[in-house]
Amino acid sequence: MSANSSYAAAGVDTAAGDLAVELMKESVAKTHGPNVLGGVGGFAGLYDLSFAKDYRRPLLATSTDGVGTKIAIAQALDVHDTIGQDLVGMVVDDIVVVGATPLFMTDYIACGKVVPQRIAAIVTGIARACAETGTALVGGETAEHPGLMGVDDYDVAGAAVGVVEADRALGAERVADGDAVIAIESSGLHSNGYSLVRHILANANLRITDAAADLGTTWGEALLEPTRLYSGPLVQLLAHDTLGGAIHSLSHVTGGGIAANLARVLPRGSWVEVDRSTWSPQPVFRVLNDLAGTTLESTEGTWNLGIGFFAVVAPDAAASVIAELAALGLPAWQVGTVTVGDRDLAGFEQGAKGVDGGAVRLVGTYAS
């Protein structure tokens, strides 16, 4: 084969891929506990499930996701060691919604050109967040796509698996009339609605390197704020001797915003009015809406506006759950109450993501 017909000439550098693996091996290995068999580089990751024999009826939970166009901010700033936390947040935190403990995760990175240090930075961020959530990073893939992606372009995706005892699984069927709806604070935008963010900045002729005076940072720094990780504290809460059983359902506020994601974990025939006056969205949401000439209310279906998770809990346990969440590092507060019964549901969000669940609407005015 001539040099001009080689794989390298086509734009694929296998040696760079091997170097990237070497650079990330140590951080990945730190996520491996005794249940992970083998090391980095195998065709498949092996995870010992022997402990599941102690379950009466173990259910496996799985989730997959990406980070969306937040990656464009990381690429523009050439900062790649935080985007992995966003990926873990988007994937692993969906696992805990059903009450499952995350076990392991795999990742996939597609890029125009393998730059070993860049790939290693991405995976190091993934591994660091996996370790924080108690999730083993058991495998992954980096694929070079020359001609399809630019040399500095990449995208990331991941999938995770968890386990839950069948009779401990959370869901709308556990929710009852009078249950308290507790909001758990987000760290900011997380990883949703960045196409709108970038559109707003472009229309305002702002670059991500420009200072965002009202935020005390550059726009890029503000927008790269990593997604808060919820699964570690929530797994601890679910294992609590007295409070764990009081948790009836959980909701991860991602794409679709506040009302739509809460409605997915409520039973059919129920409704909730979420009281805006119980919290104040972080400044980043206010500044972006001011730039766009829009209102916070108009973006409730796009951004989390300060709520990263919901917990629907037994009413007599609400205060204790809020206190325990605070002790675990998750600020929380009650935003509403579940009501089961007929009423006019005009203006309520229903049927989100194809789920025939409850109905939710936001009422009142946000706190200053």
Foldseek 3Di string as FASTA:
>chain_A
DDPCPDPVVVPADVVLVVLLCVLQQVLLVVLDDPQWDDGADDPFTGGHPPVCVPFPAKDKDKFKDWQPCLVVLCLVVVNAQQRLLLQCQVTVVVRCQFPWQWEEKEKEKEAQHRRSVNSSSNSSNNSVNCNVSSYRHGYYYYHHDHPVHDRSDMIMMMMTMTMDRPVLTAFQVQFDAFWFKKFWWKPAQRRWDVVVVVVLCVVLVHDQQDCPVVVRGGNSVVSSRHTDHDNNLSNVQLPDPPRNVFWHGKFFAHQQADQLRVQQRHAAQKEKAFEQAVAQFDVVLVVSCVSVVHDSVVCRGTGHRTTGMMTTGHPVCVVVSQVSCVVVVIHMDTGITMHGHDDDQVQWDACHPNHRGYTYHYDDDHHD
